[in-house]
């Protein structure tokens, strides 16, 4: 069974209270640039392809994996295994919680659509 996290209209500081997993929710609620980008995408304020501009390689990987956008992975980390190895534990938690969240404009890359 998939658990979705509702975040529409919820302030970032409230995410810890409702998401069920405080450690995972704290990753989305943090002030790191990749977490802020994920919140903007989840709320429909920004597109994922805009969110990866100007961020570090590991932050771009985190955003790409969180939204199933393999087309946004940096050229040096195009396969899942190398991308997953590049990010740290906080970023892995962020990917997991963002991937479970409901978001305004869901998009999956052509590779995910079969």
Protein backbone atom coordinates (compact mmCIF):
# COMPACT_ATOMS: atom_id res chain seq x y z
CA UNK A 1 0.00 0.00 0.00
CA UNK A 2 1.36 3.42 -0.93
CA UNK A 3 1.20 6.22 1.59
CA UNK A 4 0.85 9.69 0.15
CA UNK A 5 1.68 12.86 1.98
CA UNK A 6 -0.66 15.79 1.41
CA UNK A 7 1.23 19.09 1.35
CA UNK A 8 -0.95 21.47 -0.66
CA UNK A 9 -1.37 24.74 1.20
CA UNK A 10 0.71 23.54 4.13
CA UNK A 11 3.58 25.60 5.46
CA UNK A 12 6.94 23.77 5.46
CA UNK A 13 7.11 23.86 9.27
CA UNK A 14 3.88 21.83 9.43
CA UNK A 15 5.22 18.99 7.31
CA UNK A 16 6.90 17.24 10.23
CA UNK A 17 3.60 16.98 12.08
CA UNK A 18 1.54 15.37 9.32
CA UNK A 19 3.85 13.24 7.23
CA UNK A 20 4.00 10.34 9.68
CA UNK A 21 7.75 9.76 9.52
CA UNK A 22 9.45 12.62 11.38
CA UNK A 23 12.95 11.80 10.11
CA UNK A 24 11.84 11.64 6.47
CA UNK A 25 9.60 14.68 6.79
CA UNK A 26 12.42 16.66 8.37
CA UNK A 27 14.39 16.15 5.14
CA UNK A 28 11.63 17.84 3.12
CA UNK A 29 11.18 20.49 5.79
CA UNK A 30 14.88 21.43 5.91
CA UNK A 31 16.45 24.63 4.62
CA UNK A 32 18.78 22.91 2.16
CA UNK A 33 18.52 24.13 -1.42
CA UNK A 34 17.37 20.75 -2.75
CA UNK A 35 14.63 20.49 -0.11
CA UNK A 36 13.39 23.98 -0.92
CA UNK A 37 13.38 23.09 -4.63
CA UNK A 38 11.37 19.91 -3.92
CA UNK A 39 8.81 21.89 -1.93
CA UNK A 40 8.45 24.40 -4.79
CA UNK A 41 7.90 21.58 -7.30
CA UNK A 42 5.46 19.77 -5.02
CA UNK A 43 3.44 22.95 -4.55
CA UNK A 44 3.39 23.64 -8.31
CA UNK A 45 5.39 26.86 -7.96
CA UNK A 46 8.25 25.61 -10.11
CA UNK A 47 8.87 22.86 -12.66
CA UNK A 48 11.49 20.20 -11.90
CA UNK A 49 13.60 21.19 -14.93
CA UNK A 50 13.78 24.75 -13.55
CA UNK A 51 14.61 23.52 -10.06
CA UNK A 52 17.79 21.72 -11.17
CA UNK A 53 19.33 24.86 -12.71
CA UNK A 54 22.18 26.34 -10.70
CA UNK A 55 22.35 23.62 -8.04
CA UNK A 56 25.17 21.21 -7.24
CA UNK A 57 25.44 17.80 -8.89
CA UNK A 58 24.12 15.95 -5.84
CA UNK A 59 21.24 18.41 -5.45
CA UNK A 60 20.31 18.01 -9.14
CA UNK A 61 20.38 14.22 -8.72
CA UNK A 62 18.15 14.47 -5.64
CA UNK A 63 15.57 16.59 -7.46
CA UNK A 64 15.64 14.38 -10.56
CA UNK A 65 15.19 11.16 -8.56
CA UNK A 66 12.47 12.66 -6.35
CA UNK A 67 10.30 13.39 -9.38
CA UNK A 68 11.17 10.43 -11.57
CA UNK A 69 12.97 12.62 -14.09
CA UNK A 70 15.88 10.55 -15.39
CA UNK A 71 16.22 13.10 -18.19
CA UNK A 72 17.34 15.66 -15.59
CA UNK A 73 20.17 13.53 -14.20
CA UNK A 74 23.64 14.98 -14.90
CA UNK A 75 25.46 13.25 -17.77
CA UNK A 76 28.03 11.82 -15.34
CA UNK A 77 25.28 10.05 -13.34
CA UNK A 78 22.75 8.89 -15.94
CA UNK A 79 22.27 5.44 -14.43
CA UNK A 80 20.31 4.96 -11.22
CA UNK A 81 23.09 3.15 -9.35
CA UNK A 82 25.71 5.90 -9.80
CA UNK A 83 23.11 8.59 -9.09
CA UNK A 84 21.98 6.92 -5.86
CA UNK A 85 25.59 6.45 -4.73
CA UNK A 86 26.33 10.15 -5.24
CA UNK A 87 23.70 11.45 -2.80
CA UNK A 88 23.96 11.30 0.98
CA UNK A 89 21.49 9.81 3.50
CA UNK A 90 19.63 13.11 4.00
CA UNK A 91 19.13 13.41 0.26
CA UNK A 92 17.97 9.78 0.02
CA UNK A 93 15.33 10.48 2.68
CA UNK A 94 14.32 13.59 0.74
CA UNK A 95 13.92 11.55 -2.46
CA UNK A 96 11.81 8.97 -0.62
CA UNK A 97 9.46 11.46 1.04
CA UNK A 98 9.08 13.68 -2.04
CA UNK A 99 8.37 10.66 -4.23
CA UNK A 100 5.52 9.61 -1.88
CA UNK A 101 3.99 13.09 -1.71
CA UNK A 102 1.02 14.21 -3.80
CA UNK A 103 1.91 17.18 -5.94
CA UNK A 104 0.15 19.72 -8.09
CA UNK A 105 1.45 18.74 -11.55
CA UNK A 106 2.71 15.19 -11.64
CA UNK A 107 5.05 14.34 -14.46
CA UNK A 108 6.94 11.20 -15.23
CA UNK A 109 9.64 11.01 -17.82
CA UNK A 110 9.07 9.05 -21.03
CA UNK A 111 11.27 6.26 -19.63
CA UNK A 112 8.83 5.83 -16.73
CA UNK A 113 5.76 5.69 -18.97
CA UNK A 114 6.83 2.43 -20.59
